[in-house]
Amino acid sequence: MFNHSSANCGFQTRCLKCGEDHMTNQCPITTPQENPKCINCGATGHIASWRGCPLFPKIKPTKGQGVNYPKAQREFLASQYRRQKNISYSMQTQKLIPRQVEFNSRQESEFNPQTGSREIGHEKEFLGFLEGVKVILTIVFWNANGVRNRSADIRNFLEEHSPDIFLIQETKLRPEINFSIPNYAVYRTDRPQRNNAPTQGGGTGILIKKSLPHHHIPTPQLHFVEATSISLNLTNKEPFTVTSIYIPPDTDPTLYTLDLESLIQLGPNPIICGDFNAQHQNWGSPINTTRGKELVRFTQVLGMEILAPPSPPRFGFNSATILDLAVIKDFILPFSIISLPEL
């Protein structure tokens, strides 16, 4: 069934894979099926989340469909700047767009084989591009792989660079563990402990300066992704919905888009940043995984943009991978996204 959330659904729970009365993430079917049955139309050959299903809500075409209006508006503003000589970029930015949002993707620290731990590297000159540019809002997102052992690094980074919003993935916190940072409000979504596991995994969090007007948005029921969301209410500006997202690598590589749709609907101007565990050559990954191809298809259907840093933030044995992304919708303000080496 469509056009309502699970919290307002009065129907019996049904699995999206097999149609039985259990949650999809509890389904005993763990491998792709050749002829799955759709629980909406009853036909075989596709699952309920397939947008080609005759009962799946169709997006109404609009005049000029195929044109990315937010991107076109940004390009128009840039063209206006290029046409005028002897005007600095900062002057033009203040004149046309009073806000600029900068997305910073975080990269993991290097592993030190002598100490057996991950250590923070030397600070790099990464803020040079800000010269002459008035940056109003800075958003940093980073897969921490556990914050308890990195709390000192996090505090040092926040004191040094003072980002407005700090999004964390894989916090690996349990509810009884306190985590606080001076001058920042902390919102977190801890992963429920699984089968009395000795260690905790997953989890997301958002740190935002207490001086910024905002409020926490309760996380809807999600089945395949983990997320924490806030609404940023700036003066004389339409609110932004900022979400820290983590998609575990073992989740269904196609059904996770159902949760993405729920997160997009939380508020206007959605900004979803984090670890998507999705690879695609569109953002510089060496291969196209199923999850990556599904993310490309999903964003194209909904008219969204995928933002990735120009250089890989993660390096493996013989490859470099970009898994940390930002997904935005209807966002007309100028922005930039880069990788930073500190954490």
Protein backbone atom coordinates (compact mmCIF):
# COMPACT_ATOMS: atom_id res chain seq x y z
CA MET A 1 0.00 0.00 0.00
CA PHE A 2 1.18 3.52 -0.78
CA ASN A 3 0.63 7.17 0.22
CA HIS A 4 1.04 6.63 3.96
CA SER A 5 3.79 5.73 6.43
CA SER A 6 4.13 2.51 8.42
CA ALA A 7 3.21 4.40 11.60
CA ASN A 8 -0.23 5.19 10.15
CA CYS A 9 -0.81 1.81 8.51
CA GLY A 10 -3.68 -0.30 9.80
CA PHE A 11 -2.98 -3.31 7.62
CA GLN A 12 -1.26 -6.50 8.72
CA THR A 13 2.52 -6.59 8.35
CA ARG A 14 3.60 -8.21 5.09
CA CYS A 15 7.08 -9.00 3.83
CA LEU A 16 8.09 -7.23 0.62
CA LYS A 17 9.98 -10.32 -0.53
CA CYS A 18 7.58 -13.20 0.08
CA GLY A 19 4.30 -11.58 1.17
CA GLU A 20 4.14 -13.46 4.49
CA ASP A 21 3.17 -11.81 7.78
CA HIS A 22 6.62 -10.80 9.04
CA MET A 23 8.94 -7.83 8.62
CA THR A 24 11.05 -7.76 5.45
CA ASN A 25 14.31 -7.66 7.41
CA GLN A 26 13.21 -10.86 9.21
CA CYS A 27 12.52 -12.78 6.00
CA PRO A 28 14.29 -16.17 5.74
CA ILE A 29 14.88 -15.44 2.04
CA THR A 30 18.38 -13.98 1.91
CA THR A 31 19.26 -14.44 -1.77
CA PRO A 32 17.71 -12.85 -4.88
CA GLN A 33 14.76 -14.83 -6.26
CA GLU A 34 14.23 -15.50 -9.96
CA ASN A 35 10.45 -15.02 -9.79
CA PRO A 36 9.53 -12.97 -6.71
CA LYS A 37 5.89 -12.17 -6.10
CA CYS A 38 4.65 -8.60 -5.75
CA ILE A 39 2.43 -8.13 -2.69
CA ASN A 40 0.66 -5.19 -4.34
CA CYS A 41 -0.41 -6.43 -7.78
CA GLY A 42 0.07 -10.16 -7.19
CA ALA A 43 2.18 -10.64 -10.32
CA THR A 44 5.42 -12.62 -10.35
CA GLY A 45 8.74 -11.37 -11.62
CA HIS A 46 9.13 -8.25 -9.49
CA ILE A 47 8.94 -7.06 -5.88
CA ALA A 48 6.68 -4.38 -4.42
CA SER A 49 9.34 -1.65 -4.58
CA TRP A 50 9.74 -1.98 -8.37
CA ARG A 51 8.56 1.26 -9.91
CA GLY A 52 7.44 -0.57 -13.03
CA CYS A 53 4.66 -2.27 -11.06
CA PRO A 54 1.26 -1.20 -12.45
CA LEU A 55 0.13 -0.26 -8.93
CA PHE A 56 3.26 1.73 -8.01
CA PRO A 57 2.43 5.48 -7.80
CA LYS A 58 3.59 7.24 -10.93
CA ILE A 59 5.35 10.58 -10.73
CA LYS A 60 3.33 13.11 -12.70
CA PRO A 61 5.40 14.69 -15.46
CA THR A 62 5.77 18.43 -15.38
CA LYS A 63 6.37 20.91 -18.14
CA GLY A 64 10.03 20.85 -19.05
CA GLN A 65 10.61 17.46 -17.44
CA GLY A 66 14.22 16.41 -17.73
CA VAL A 67 15.53 19.83 -16.74
CA ASN A 68 17.24 19.93 -13.36
CA TYR A 69 15.93 23.31 -12.20
CA PRO A 70 18.10 23.67 -9.05
CA LYS A 71 21.20 22.89 -11.09
CA ALA A 72 20.07 25.22 -13.88
CA GLN A 73 19.53 28.04 -11.38
CA ARG A 74 22.99 27.56 -9.91
CA GLU A 75 24.50 27.59 -13.41
CA PHE A 76 22.54 30.73 -14.24
CA LEU A 77 23.88 32.51 -11.17
CA ALA A 78 27.39 31.40 -12.09
CA SER A 79 26.93 32.72 -15.64
CA GLN A 80 25.79 36.08 -14.28
CA TYR A 81 28.98 36.26 -12.29
CA ARG A 82 31.12 35.39 -15.33
CA ARG A 83 29.52 38.15 -17.41
CA GLN A 84 30.53 40.90 -14.99
CA LYS A 85 34.17 41.88 -14.80
CA ASN A 86 36.06 43.32 -11.84
CA ILE A 87 33.66 41.76 -9.32
CA SER A 88 35.02 39.27 -6.81
CA TYR A 89 33.25 36.01 -6.20
CA SER A 90 32.58 36.98 -2.58
CA MET A 91 30.91 40.22 -3.70
CA GLN A 92 28.73 38.39 -6.19
CA THR A 93 27.84 35.70 -3.66
CA GLN A 94 26.73 38.26 -1.09
CA LYS A 95 24.72 40.13 -3.71
CA LEU A 96 22.86 37.22 -5.29
CA ILE A 97 22.89 34.40 -2.74
CA PRO A 98 23.28 35.29 0.94
CA ARG A 99 23.93 31.64 1.89
CA GLN A 100 26.52 29.23 0.71
CA VAL A 101 26.63 25.67 1.93
CA GLU A 102 29.82 23.71 1.88
CA PHE A 103 29.75 19.94 2.18
CA ASN A 104 32.91 18.33 3.49
CA SER A 105 33.31 14.59 3.13
CA ARG A 106 35.52 13.01 5.74
CA GLN A 107 38.13 10.39 5.10
CA GLU A 108 39.34 7.76 7.53
CA SER A 109 42.64 8.11 9.32
CA GLU A 110 45.69 6.07 8.39
CA PHE A 111 46.47 2.81 10.16
CA ASN A 112 49.78 2.71 12.03
CA PRO A 113 51.13 -0.88 12.04
CA GLN A 114 53.63 -0.07 14.80
CA THR A 115 51.01 1.05 17.30
CA GLY A 116 48.15 -1.05 15.96
CA SER A 117 45.81 1.93 15.97
CA ARG A 118 44.46 4.60 13.68
CA GLU A 119 46.10 7.98 14.14
CA ILE A 120 45.19 11.44 13.04
CA GLY A 121 47.53 12.79 10.37
CA HIS A 122 49.18 16.18 10.03
CA GLU A 123 46.84 18.99 9.18
CA LYS A 124 46.72 19.76 5.48
CA GLU A 125 46.22 23.12 3.86
CA PHE A 126 42.66 22.47 2.74
CA LEU A 127 40.97 25.78 3.46
CA GLY A 128 42.85 27.83 0.91
CA PHE A 129 39.96 27.72 -1.52
CA LEU A 130 37.89 29.67 0.99
CA GLU A 131 39.93 32.79 0.40
CA GLY A 132 37.60 35.53 -0.77
CA VAL A 133 34.50 33.35 -0.36
CA LYS A 134 31.98 34.03 2.37
CA VAL A 135 31.07 30.62 3.77
CA ILE A 136 27.99 30.82 5.96
CA LEU A 137 27.30 27.18 6.77
CA THR A 138 29.70 24.23 6.93
CA ILE A 139 28.50 20.63 7.10
CA VAL A 140 31.00 17.83 7.78
CA PHE A 141 30.12 14.15 7.49
CA TRP A 142 32.36 11.31 8.55
CA ASN A 143 32.30 7.55 9.16
CA ALA A 144 33.88 7.34 12.60
CA ASN A 145 33.93 3.53 12.90
CA GLY A 146 33.28 4.12 16.60
CA VAL A 147 33.40 7.47 18.44
CA ARG A 148 34.44 6.35 21.92
CA ASN A 149 38.09 5.91 20.95
CA ARG A 150 38.06 8.98 18.71
CA SER A 151 36.44 11.49 21.08
CA ALA A 152 39.69 13.44 21.56
CA ASP A 153 40.20 13.70 17.79
CA ILE A 154 36.62 14.84 17.33
CA ARG A 155 36.91 17.52 20.02
CA ASN A 156 40.19 18.79 18.57
CA PHE A 157 38.73 18.99 15.07
CA LEU A 158 35.62 20.83 16.26
CA GLU A 159 37.68 23.30 18.29
CA GLU A 160 40.04 23.90 15.36
CA HIS A 161 37.53 24.24 12.52
CA SER A 162 34.22 24.90 14.26
CA PRO A 163 31.87 23.34 11.65
CA ASP A 164 28.23 24.25 12.05
CA ILE A 165 26.96 20.69 11.65
CA PHE A 166 28.92 17.46 12.15
CA LEU A 167 27.29 14.26 10.88
CA ILE A 168 28.66 10.94 12.12
CA GLN A 169 28.11 7.42 10.84
CA GLU A 170 28.93 4.17 12.65
CA THR A 171 28.96 5.77 16.08
CA LYS A 172 28.84 2.29 17.69
CA LEU A 173 27.27 3.67 20.86
CA ARG A 174 24.94 1.96 23.30
CA PRO A 175 22.08 3.90 24.95
CA GLU A 176 23.76 3.86 28.37
CA ILE A 177 26.92 5.51 27.02
CA ASN A 178 27.02 9.30 27.33
CA PHE A 179 28.49 11.30 24.47
CA SER A 180 28.57 15.09 24.63
CA ILE A 181 30.57 17.94 23.08
CA PRO A 182 30.73 21.49 24.52
CA ASN A 183 28.66 24.07 22.60
CA TYR A 184 27.06 21.39 20.41
CA ALA A 185 23.67 19.76 20.69
CA VAL A 186 23.96 16.01 20.13
CA TYR A 187 21.29 13.87 18.50
CA ARG A 188 21.90 10.19 17.94
CA THR A 189 20.21 7.01 16.81
CA ASP A 190 21.87 3.97 18.35
CA ARG A 191 21.50 0.61 16.67
CA PRO A 192 19.50 -1.84 18.80
CA GLN A 193 21.81 -4.47 20.21
CA ARG A 194 21.51 -7.70 18.25
CA ASN A 195 21.30 -11.05 20.03
CA ASN A 196 23.28 -9.84 23.05
CA ALA A 197 26.29 -9.13 20.86
CA PRO A 198 29.36 -8.18 22.93
CA THR A 199 30.12 -5.21 20.67
CA GLN A 200 27.86 -2.55 19.25
CA GLY A 201 27.87 -1.58 15.58
CA GLY A 202 26.22 0.94 13.31
CA GLY A 203 24.48 4.02 14.64
CA THR A 204 24.28 7.61 13.42
CA GLY A 205 24.54 11.01 15.04
CA ILE A 206 24.35 14.74 14.43
CA LEU A 207 26.25 17.46 16.27
CA ILE A 208 24.97 20.98 15.61
CA LYS A 209 25.97 24.27 17.18
CA LYS A 210 23.54 25.22 19.91
CA SER A 211 23.43 28.75 18.53
CA LEU A 212 21.74 27.59 15.32
CA PRO A 213 17.92 27.48 15.37
CA HIS A 214 16.92 23.89 14.81
CA HIS A 215 14.91 20.98 16.12
CA HIS A 216 15.28 17.23 16.09
CA ILE A 217 13.05 15.21 13.75
CA PRO A 218 12.00 11.80 15.12
CA THR A 219 13.31 9.02 12.91
CA PRO A 220 10.55 7.14 11.07
CA GLN A 221 10.48 3.35 11.15
CA LEU A 222 13.30 2.24 8.87
CA HIS A 223 14.06 -1.30 7.74
CA PHE A 224 17.28 -1.10 5.76
CA VAL A 225 19.15 2.08 6.73
CA GLU A 226 20.07 3.93 9.93
CA ALA A 227 19.54 7.67 10.18
CA THR A 228 19.30 10.76 12.38
CA SER A 229 17.59 13.95 11.15
CA ILE A 230 17.20 17.59 12.15
CA SER A 231 15.43 20.62 10.71
CA LEU A 232 17.56 23.75 10.38
CA ASN A 233 15.41 26.87 10.65
CA LEU A 234 17.47 29.83 9.50
CA THR A 235 16.12 33.38 9.65
CA ASN A 236 14.26 34.41 6.48
CA LYS A 237 15.10 31.07 4.88
CA GLU A 238 13.06 28.00 4.07
CA PRO A 239 14.00 25.17 6.48
CA PHE A 240 16.59 22.56 5.55
CA THR A 241 16.22 18.93 6.53
CA VAL A 242 19.64 17.47 7.29
CA THR A 243 20.07 13.71 7.72
CA SER A 244 23.05 11.61 8.75
CA ILE A 245 22.66 8.21 7.08
CA TYR A 246 24.43 4.86 7.32
CA ILE A 247 23.55 1.95 5.03
CA PRO A 248 25.09 -1.28 6.37
CA PRO A 249 26.81 -3.33 3.66
CA ASP A 250 24.68 -6.41 4.39
CA THR A 251 21.29 -4.75 3.78
CA ASP A 252 19.19 -5.39 0.67
CA PRO A 253 20.88 -3.51 -2.21
CA THR A 254 17.57 -2.44 -3.81
CA LEU A 255 14.90 -2.22 -1.10
CA TYR A 256 16.86 0.40 0.87
CA THR A 257 15.44 3.08 -1.44
CA LEU A 258 12.10 2.63 0.34
CA ASP A 259 13.74 4.06 3.46
CA LEU A 260 15.31 6.84 1.40
CA GLU A 261 11.84 7.87 0.26
CA SER A 262 10.73 8.08 3.90
CA LEU A 263 13.70 10.29 4.76
CA ILE A 264 13.11 12.60 1.80
CA GLN A 265 9.56 13.21 3.00
CA LEU A 266 10.65 14.41 6.47
CA GLY A 267 10.84 18.04 5.38
CA PRO A 268 11.75 20.53 2.65
CA ASN A 269 15.17 20.88 1.03
CA PRO A 270 16.49 17.47 2.13
CA ILE A 271 20.24 17.06 2.51
CA ILE A 272 21.15 13.41 3.17
CA CYS A 273 24.84 12.80 3.88
CA GLY A 274 26.76 9.76 4.98
CA ASP A 275 28.03 6.30 4.18
CA PHE A 276 25.85 4.76 1.47
CA ASN A 277 28.14 1.75 0.91
CA ALA A 278 27.35 2.21 -2.78
CA GLN A 279 29.86 2.26 -5.60
CA HIS A 280 29.38 3.66 -9.08
CA GLN A 281 31.63 5.08 -11.75
CA ASN A 282 29.46 8.21 -11.77
CA TRP A 283 31.23 9.30 -8.58
CA GLY A 284 34.64 7.81 -9.28
CA SER A 285 34.36 4.29 -7.87
CA PRO A 286 36.12 1.54 -9.84
CA ILE A 287 32.98 -0.62 -10.20
CA ASN A 288 29.20 -0.31 -10.37
CA THR A 289 27.59 -2.28 -7.55
CA THR A 290 23.90 -3.15 -7.37
CA ARG A 291 23.36 -0.63 -4.59
CA GLY A 292 25.19 2.04 -6.57
CA LYS A 293 23.16 1.42 -9.73
CA GLU A 294 19.94 1.50 -7.71
CA LEU A 295 20.93 4.83 -6.13
CA VAL A 296 21.59 6.33 -9.57
CA ARG A 297 18.24 5.10 -10.89
CA PHE A 298 16.39 6.25 -7.76
CA THR A 299 17.81 9.77 -7.82
CA GLN A 300 17.18 10.14 -11.55
CA VAL A 301 13.52 9.19 -11.14
CA LEU A 302 13.01 11.68 -8.30
CA GLY A 303 15.10 14.47 -9.83
CA MET A 304 17.74 14.41 -7.09
CA GLU A 305 21.48 15.05 -7.24
CA ILE A 306 24.30 12.86 -5.94
CA LEU A 307 27.30 14.80 -4.65
CA ALA A 308 30.69 13.17 -4.20
CA PRO A 309 34.14 14.53 -3.37
CA PRO A 310 36.55 14.90 -6.28
CA SER A 311 39.04 12.49 -4.69
CA PRO A 312 38.45 9.16 -2.90
CA PRO A 313 38.30 9.42 0.91
CA ARG A 314 38.98 5.67 1.36
CA PHE A 315 41.89 3.63 0.11
CA GLY A 316 41.98 -0.15 0.05
CA PHE A 317 44.71 -2.66 -0.85
CA ASN A 318 44.64 -1.99 -4.59
CA SER A 319 41.82 0.48 -5.05
CA ALA A 320 40.36 3.79 -3.99
CA THR A 321 36.67 3.92 -3.13
CA ILE A 322 34.10 6.66 -2.67
CA LEU A 323 31.30 5.51 -0.36
CA ASP A 324 30.56 8.76 1.48
CA LEU A 325 28.05 10.79 -0.50
CA ALA A 326 25.50 13.57 -0.20
CA VAL A 327 22.08 13.41 -1.87
CA ILE A 328 20.10 16.63 -2.29
CA LYS A 329 16.77 17.64 -3.78
CA ASP A 330 15.47 21.05 -4.91
CA PHE A 331 18.64 22.73 -3.64
CA ILE A 332 19.36 25.98 -5.51
CA LEU A 333 22.08 27.47 -3.30
CA PRO A 334 25.76 27.22 -4.31
CA PHE A 335 27.88 24.60 -2.58
CA SER A 336 31.13 22.68 -2.78
CA ILE A 337 32.12 19.21 -1.55
CA ILE A 338 35.67 18.14 -0.75
CA SER A 339 37.60 15.44 1.12
CA LEU A 340 39.49 16.39 4.26
CA PRO A 341 42.41 14.41 5.70
CA GLU A 342 42.32 15.20 9.43
CA LEU A 343 40.18 12.45 10.95
